Amino acid sequence: MGRGFLSGEIKRFEDLAEDDYRRHSPRFQGENFDKNLQLVEKAEELAKEKGITTSQLALAWVLAQGQDVVPIPGTKRRKYLEQNAEAAEIILSQEDLARIEDVFPKDAASGLRYPEAMMASVNR
């Protein structure tokens, strides 16, 4: 979920281990990091209002996009697998969806998804 950004565990660039691949991701560098962290903080506010995690909010939003859309979250821990599964039970109202869309318009994330060399091979 957002390369771990939505977990709430990453608050500073230094929170990433020295060998973490995200240190090379444009979305985790400089001004992009700060702008994306502000988006995460807004997501945390919305999620807190609903009594859910930001990851659950993100999954519930994806599930609300239509019957032909299926999120494929990855996790290493059972706790997060269970939280992710619980997201299927969360119903977002039209008001919830509108608020999310206001906070996160299309292409709200700052910075390229991957470093330029990798972007050259995406969507070929």
N, C-alpha and C. Protein backbone atom coordinates (compact mmCIF):
# COMPACT_ATOMS: atom_id res chain seq x y z
N MET A 1 0.83 -1.17 0.00
CA MET A 1 0.00 0.00 0.00
C MET A 1 0.88 1.23 0.00
N GLY A 2 1.00 1.78 -1.17
CA GLY A 2 1.85 2.96 -1.27
C GLY A 2 3.29 2.66 -0.90
N ARG A 3 3.73 1.44 -1.21
CA ARG A 3 5.09 1.00 -0.88
C ARG A 3 5.37 1.13 0.62
N GLY A 4 4.33 0.92 1.41
CA GLY A 4 4.48 0.96 2.86
C GLY A 4 4.17 2.31 3.47
N PHE A 5 3.99 3.32 2.64
CA PHE A 5 3.71 4.66 3.17
C PHE A 5 2.44 4.66 4.01
N LEU A 6 1.40 3.97 3.54
CA LEU A 6 0.11 4.00 4.24
C LEU A 6 0.12 3.22 5.55
N SER A 7 1.18 2.52 5.83
CA SER A 7 1.25 1.79 7.10
C SER A 7 1.39 2.73 8.28
N GLY A 8 1.85 3.95 8.02
CA GLY A 8 2.06 4.91 9.09
C GLY A 8 3.39 4.73 9.80
N GLU A 9 4.16 3.75 9.37
CA GLU A 9 5.45 3.47 10.02
C GLU A 9 6.57 4.37 9.50
N ILE A 10 6.37 4.97 8.36
CA ILE A 10 7.42 5.79 7.73
C ILE A 10 7.06 7.25 7.90
N LYS A 11 7.81 7.93 8.74
CA LYS A 11 7.56 9.35 8.99
C LYS A 11 8.73 10.23 8.53
N ARG A 12 9.90 9.60 8.35
CA ARG A 12 11.10 10.32 7.93
C ARG A 12 11.85 9.43 6.95
N PHE A 13 12.58 10.04 6.04
CA PHE A 13 13.39 9.28 5.09
C PHE A 13 14.31 8.33 5.85
N GLU A 14 14.81 8.78 6.99
CA GLU A 14 15.74 7.99 7.80
C GLU A 14 15.09 6.75 8.40
N ASP A 15 13.76 6.66 8.36
CA ASP A 15 13.07 5.45 8.84
C ASP A 15 13.30 4.26 7.91
N LEU A 16 13.78 4.54 6.70
CA LEU A 16 14.07 3.48 5.74
C LEU A 16 15.49 2.95 5.99
N ALA A 17 15.61 1.64 6.04
CA ALA A 17 16.93 1.03 6.25
C ALA A 17 17.88 1.44 5.12
N GLU A 18 19.16 1.41 5.42
CA GLU A 18 20.18 1.81 4.44
C GLU A 18 20.07 1.04 3.13
N ASP A 19 19.66 -0.24 3.20
CA ASP A 19 19.57 -1.07 1.99
C ASP A 19 18.14 -1.14 1.43
N ASP A 20 17.25 -0.29 1.90
CA ASP A 20 15.85 -0.31 1.46
C ASP A 20 15.76 0.26 0.04
N TYR A 21 15.13 -0.49 -0.87
CA TYR A 21 15.02 -0.05 -2.26
C TYR A 21 14.24 1.26 -2.40
N ARG A 22 13.38 1.57 -1.42
CA ARG A 22 12.58 2.81 -1.50
C ARG A 22 13.45 4.05 -1.40
N ARG A 23 14.65 3.92 -0.89
CA ARG A 23 15.56 5.08 -0.83
C ARG A 23 15.88 5.58 -2.24
N HIS A 24 15.66 4.76 -3.25
CA HIS A 24 15.95 5.13 -4.64
C HIS A 24 14.68 5.49 -5.41
N SER A 25 13.54 5.38 -4.75
CA SER A 25 12.26 5.69 -5.39
C SER A 25 12.01 7.19 -5.33
N PRO A 26 11.67 7.78 -6.47
CA PRO A 26 11.41 9.22 -6.49
C PRO A 26 10.35 9.67 -5.50
N ARG A 27 9.38 8.83 -5.19
CA ARG A 27 8.31 9.22 -4.27
C ARG A 27 8.77 9.29 -2.82
N PHE A 28 9.93 8.75 -2.53
CA PHE A 28 10.45 8.74 -1.17
C PHE A 28 11.63 9.69 -1.00
N GLN A 29 11.82 10.59 -1.95
CA GLN A 29 12.99 11.47 -1.89
C GLN A 29 12.59 12.94 -1.82
N GLY A 30 13.33 13.67 -1.01
CA GLY A 30 13.22 15.12 -0.93
C GLY A 30 11.82 15.66 -0.75
N GLU A 31 11.50 16.64 -1.57
CA GLU A 31 10.20 17.31 -1.51
C GLU A 31 9.06 16.34 -1.78
N ASN A 32 9.28 15.35 -2.64
CA ASN A 32 8.24 14.36 -2.92
C ASN A 32 7.87 13.60 -1.65
N PHE A 33 8.87 13.24 -0.86
CA PHE A 33 8.62 12.54 0.40
C PHE A 33 7.70 13.37 1.27
N ASP A 34 8.03 14.64 1.43
CA ASP A 34 7.26 15.53 2.30
C ASP A 34 5.82 15.68 1.81
N LYS A 35 5.64 15.87 0.51
CA LYS A 35 4.29 16.03 -0.05
C LYS A 35 3.48 14.74 0.12
N ASN A 36 4.12 13.60 -0.12
CA ASN A 36 3.41 12.33 0.02
C ASN A 36 3.09 12.02 1.48
N LEU A 37 3.96 12.42 2.38
CA LEU A 37 3.70 12.24 3.80
C LEU A 37 2.47 13.07 4.22
N GLN A 38 2.31 14.25 3.65
CA GLN A 38 1.12 15.06 3.94
C GLN A 38 -0.14 14.34 3.48
N LEU A 39 -0.08 13.66 2.35
CA LEU A 39 -1.23 12.88 1.88
C LEU A 39 -1.54 11.74 2.85
N VAL A 40 -0.49 11.08 3.33
CA VAL A 40 -0.67 9.99 4.29
C VAL A 40 -1.34 10.51 5.56
N GLU A 41 -0.90 11.67 6.01
CA GLU A 41 -1.49 12.25 7.22
C GLU A 41 -2.98 12.53 7.03
N LYS A 42 -3.36 12.97 5.85
CA LYS A 42 -4.79 13.20 5.56
C LYS A 42 -5.54 11.88 5.54
N ALA A 43 -4.93 10.85 4.98
CA ALA A 43 -5.55 9.52 4.98
C ALA A 43 -5.71 9.01 6.40
N GLU A 44 -4.72 9.25 7.23
CA GLU A 44 -4.79 8.82 8.63
C GLU A 44 -5.97 9.50 9.34
N GLU A 45 -6.19 10.77 9.04
CA GLU A 45 -7.32 11.49 9.64
C GLU A 45 -8.65 10.87 9.22
N LEU A 46 -8.80 10.61 7.93
CA LEU A 46 -10.04 10.01 7.43
C LEU A 46 -10.26 8.63 8.04
N ALA A 47 -9.20 7.84 8.10
CA ALA A 47 -9.31 6.49 8.65
C ALA A 47 -9.67 6.54 10.13
N LYS A 48 -9.04 7.44 10.86
CA LYS A 48 -9.29 7.55 12.30
C LYS A 48 -10.76 7.88 12.56
N GLU A 49 -11.34 8.75 11.75
CA GLU A 49 -12.75 9.11 11.89
C GLU A 49 -13.64 7.88 11.76
N LYS A 50 -13.22 6.92 10.93
CA LYS A 50 -14.03 5.71 10.70
C LYS A 50 -13.63 4.57 11.64
N GLY A 51 -12.57 4.77 12.42
CA GLY A 51 -12.12 3.72 13.33
C GLY A 51 -11.45 2.55 12.63
N ILE A 52 -10.76 2.87 11.52
CA ILE A 52 -10.06 1.84 10.74
C ILE A 52 -8.64 2.30 10.47
N THR A 53 -7.82 1.41 9.92
CA THR A 53 -6.45 1.77 9.57
C THR A 53 -6.43 2.44 8.19
N THR A 54 -5.34 3.14 7.91
CA THR A 54 -5.21 3.75 6.58
C THR A 54 -5.16 2.69 5.49
N SER A 55 -4.56 1.57 5.78
CA SER A 55 -4.51 0.48 4.80
C SER A 55 -5.92 -0.04 4.52
N GLN A 56 -6.73 -0.17 5.57
CA GLN A 56 -8.11 -0.62 5.38
C GLN A 56 -8.91 0.40 4.58
N LEU A 57 -8.66 1.68 4.83
CA LEU A 57 -9.34 2.73 4.07
C LEU A 57 -8.99 2.61 2.59
N ALA A 58 -7.71 2.41 2.31
CA ALA A 58 -7.26 2.29 0.91
C ALA A 58 -7.89 1.08 0.24
N LEU A 59 -7.91 -0.04 0.93
CA LEU A 59 -8.50 -1.26 0.35
C LEU A 59 -10.01 -1.11 0.16
N ALA A 60 -10.68 -0.51 1.14
CA ALA A 60 -12.13 -0.30 1.02
C ALA A 60 -12.43 0.62 -0.17
N TRP A 61 -11.58 1.62 -0.38
CA TRP A 61 -11.77 2.52 -1.51
C TRP A 61 -11.61 1.75 -2.83
N VAL A 62 -10.58 0.93 -2.92
CA VAL A 62 -10.38 0.14 -4.15
C VAL A 62 -11.60 -0.75 -4.39
N LEU A 63 -12.06 -1.42 -3.35
CA LEU A 63 -13.22 -2.31 -3.48
C LEU A 63 -14.47 -1.56 -3.90
N ALA A 64 -14.58 -0.29 -3.56
CA ALA A 64 -15.74 0.52 -3.92
C ALA A 64 -15.71 0.99 -5.37
N GLN A 65 -14.62 0.71 -6.08
CA GLN A 65 -14.47 1.19 -7.46
C GLN A 65 -15.24 0.35 -8.48
N GLY A 66 -15.76 -0.79 -8.07
CA GLY A 66 -16.56 -1.61 -8.97
C GLY A 66 -16.28 -3.09 -8.79
N GLN A 67 -17.19 -3.89 -9.29
CA GLN A 67 -17.09 -5.34 -9.17
C GLN A 67 -15.92 -5.93 -9.96
N ASP A 68 -15.42 -5.18 -10.93
CA ASP A 68 -14.34 -5.67 -11.77
C ASP A 68 -12.96 -5.22 -11.29
N VAL A 69 -12.88 -4.66 -10.09
CA VAL A 69 -11.62 -4.17 -9.52
C VAL A 69 -11.32 -4.98 -8.27
N VAL A 70 -10.11 -5.55 -8.22
CA VAL A 70 -9.73 -6.37 -7.08
C VAL A 70 -8.36 -5.93 -6.58
N PRO A 71 -8.27 -5.52 -5.31
CA PRO A 71 -6.95 -5.16 -4.78
C PRO A 71 -6.13 -6.42 -4.52
N ILE A 72 -4.83 -6.30 -4.68
CA ILE A 72 -3.93 -7.42 -4.40
C ILE A 72 -2.85 -6.90 -3.44
N PRO A 73 -3.21 -6.78 -2.15
CA PRO A 73 -2.22 -6.29 -1.20
C PRO A 73 -1.22 -7.37 -0.83
N GLY A 74 -0.03 -6.96 -0.54
CA GLY A 74 1.00 -7.90 -0.10
C GLY A 74 1.33 -7.62 1.36
N THR A 75 1.67 -8.66 2.09
CA THR A 75 2.07 -8.50 3.48
C THR A 75 2.93 -9.67 3.91
N LYS A 76 3.71 -9.43 4.93
CA LYS A 76 4.56 -10.50 5.48
C LYS A 76 4.03 -10.99 6.82
N ARG A 77 3.04 -10.28 7.36
CA ARG A 77 2.59 -10.60 8.72
C ARG A 77 1.10 -10.95 8.75
N ARG A 78 0.78 -11.96 9.53
CA ARG A 78 -0.61 -12.42 9.66
C ARG A 78 -1.54 -11.30 10.14
N LYS A 79 -1.05 -10.50 11.09
CA LYS A 79 -1.84 -9.40 11.64
C LYS A 79 -2.36 -8.50 10.52
N TYR A 80 -1.48 -8.17 9.57
CA TYR A 80 -1.87 -7.29 8.48
C TYR A 80 -2.74 -8.01 7.46
N LEU A 81 -2.52 -9.29 7.29
CA LEU A 81 -3.39 -10.08 6.41
C LEU A 81 -4.81 -10.04 6.94
N GLU A 82 -4.96 -10.21 8.25
CA GLU A 82 -6.28 -10.18 8.86
C GLU A 82 -6.91 -8.79 8.74
N GLN A 83 -6.12 -7.74 8.97
CA GLN A 83 -6.63 -6.38 8.81
C GLN A 83 -7.07 -6.14 7.37
N ASN A 84 -6.27 -6.61 6.43
CA ASN A 84 -6.61 -6.43 5.02
C ASN A 84 -7.92 -7.14 4.68
N ALA A 85 -8.10 -8.34 5.20
CA ALA A 85 -9.33 -9.09 4.93
C ALA A 85 -10.54 -8.37 5.52
N GLU A 86 -10.38 -7.76 6.68
CA GLU A 86 -11.47 -7.02 7.32
C GLU A 86 -11.93 -5.84 6.46
N ALA A 87 -11.07 -5.33 5.62
CA ALA A 87 -11.41 -4.19 4.78
C ALA A 87 -12.57 -4.52 3.84
N ALA A 88 -12.75 -5.79 3.52
CA ALA A 88 -13.84 -6.20 2.63
C ALA A 88 -15.21 -5.96 3.27
N GLU A 89 -15.24 -5.82 4.59
CA GLU A 89 -16.49 -5.59 5.31
C GLU A 89 -16.80 -4.11 5.49
N ILE A 90 -15.86 -3.26 5.13
CA ILE A 90 -16.03 -1.82 5.31
C ILE A 90 -16.80 -1.24 4.13
N ILE A 91 -17.88 -0.57 4.45
CA ILE A 91 -18.69 0.07 3.41
C ILE A 91 -18.45 1.58 3.50
N LEU A 92 -18.00 2.15 2.42
CA LEU A 92 -17.79 3.59 2.35
C LEU A 92 -19.02 4.24 1.71
N SER A 93 -19.53 5.28 2.35
CA SER A 93 -20.69 6.00 1.82
C SER A 93 -20.25 6.85 0.63
N GLN A 94 -21.21 7.37 -0.09
CA GLN A 94 -20.90 8.28 -1.19
C GLN A 94 -20.17 9.52 -0.66
N GLU A 95 -20.55 9.95 0.54
CA GLU A 95 -19.86 11.09 1.16
C GLU A 95 -18.40 10.73 1.47
N ASP A 96 -18.18 9.53 2.00
CA ASP A 96 -16.81 9.07 2.27
C ASP A 96 -15.99 9.08 0.98
N LEU A 97 -16.56 8.51 -0.06
CA LEU A 97 -15.85 8.42 -1.34
C LEU A 97 -15.54 9.81 -1.90
N ALA A 98 -16.49 10.73 -1.77
CA ALA A 98 -16.27 12.10 -2.26
C ALA A 98 -15.14 12.78 -1.47
N ARG A 99 -15.11 12.58 -0.16
CA ARG A 99 -14.05 13.17 0.66
C ARG A 99 -12.69 12.61 0.27
N ILE A 100 -12.65 11.31 0.05
CA ILE A 100 -11.39 10.67 -0.36
C ILE A 100 -10.94 11.24 -1.71
N GLU A 101 -11.87 11.35 -2.64
CA GLU A 101 -11.53 11.90 -3.97
C GLU A 101 -11.04 13.34 -3.86
N ASP A 102 -11.61 14.12 -2.94
CA ASP A 102 -11.17 15.51 -2.75
C ASP A 102 -9.73 15.56 -2.24
N VAL A 103 -9.41 14.67 -1.29
CA VAL A 103 -8.07 14.65 -0.70
C VAL A 103 -7.05 14.05 -1.66
N PHE A 104 -7.49 13.05 -2.42
CA PHE A 104 -6.59 12.31 -3.30
C PHE A 104 -7.08 12.33 -4.74
N PRO A 105 -6.98 13.47 -5.40
CA PRO A 105 -7.36 13.47 -6.82
C PRO A 105 -6.41 12.56 -7.61
N LYS A 106 -6.84 12.19 -8.78
CA LYS A 106 -5.99 11.34 -9.62
C LYS A 106 -4.60 11.95 -9.72
N ASP A 107 -3.60 11.11 -9.63
CA ASP A 107 -2.20 11.52 -9.70
C ASP A 107 -1.79 12.45 -8.56
N ALA A 108 -2.37 12.25 -7.37
CA ALA A 108 -2.05 13.09 -6.21
C ALA A 108 -0.64 12.82 -5.70
N ALA A 109 -0.15 11.60 -5.87
CA ALA A 109 1.19 11.26 -5.38
C ALA A 109 2.23 12.10 -6.11
N SER A 110 3.22 12.53 -5.35
CA SER A 110 4.28 13.37 -5.89
C SER A 110 5.49 12.51 -6.24
N GLY A 111 6.00 12.69 -7.45
CA GLY A 111 7.19 11.94 -7.90
C GLY A 111 6.81 10.75 -8.75
N LEU A 112 7.77 10.33 -9.56
CA LEU A 112 7.55 9.15 -10.40
C LEU A 112 7.38 7.91 -9.53
N ARG A 113 6.65 6.94 -10.04
CA ARG A 113 6.41 5.70 -9.32
C ARG A 113 7.70 4.90 -9.13
N TYR A 114 8.53 4.91 -10.16
CA TYR A 114 9.80 4.19 -10.15
C TYR A 114 10.90 5.14 -10.63
N PRO A 115 12.17 4.80 -10.38
CA PRO A 115 13.25 5.60 -10.95
C PRO A 115 13.11 5.62 -12.48
N GLU A 116 13.64 6.66 -13.11
CA GLU A 116 13.47 6.85 -14.57
C GLU A 116 13.87 5.63 -15.39
N ALA A 117 14.97 4.98 -15.03
CA ALA A 117 15.42 3.82 -15.80
C ALA A 117 14.36 2.71 -15.79
N MET A 118 13.71 2.52 -14.65
CA MET A 118 12.66 1.50 -14.55
C MET A 118 11.39 1.96 -15.26
N MET A 119 11.07 3.25 -15.19
CA MET A 119 9.87 3.77 -15.82
C MET A 119 9.89 3.52 -17.33
N ALA A 120 11.07 3.49 -17.90
CA ALA A 120 11.19 3.26 -19.35
C ALA A 120 10.63 1.90 -19.75
N SER A 121 10.60 0.96 -18.84
CA SER A 121 10.11 -0.37 -19.18
C SER A 121 8.67 -0.63 -18.74
N VAL A 122 8.02 0.37 -18.11
CA VAL A 122 6.64 0.22 -17.66
C VAL A 122 5.69 0.53 -18.79
N ASN A 123 4.61 -0.24 -18.87
CA ASN A 123 3.55 -0.02 -19.87
C ASN A 123 4.03 -0.04 -21.30
N ARG A 124 4.91 -0.94 -21.61
CA ARG A 124 5.42 -1.03 -22.99
C ARG A 124 4.46 -1.76 -23.86
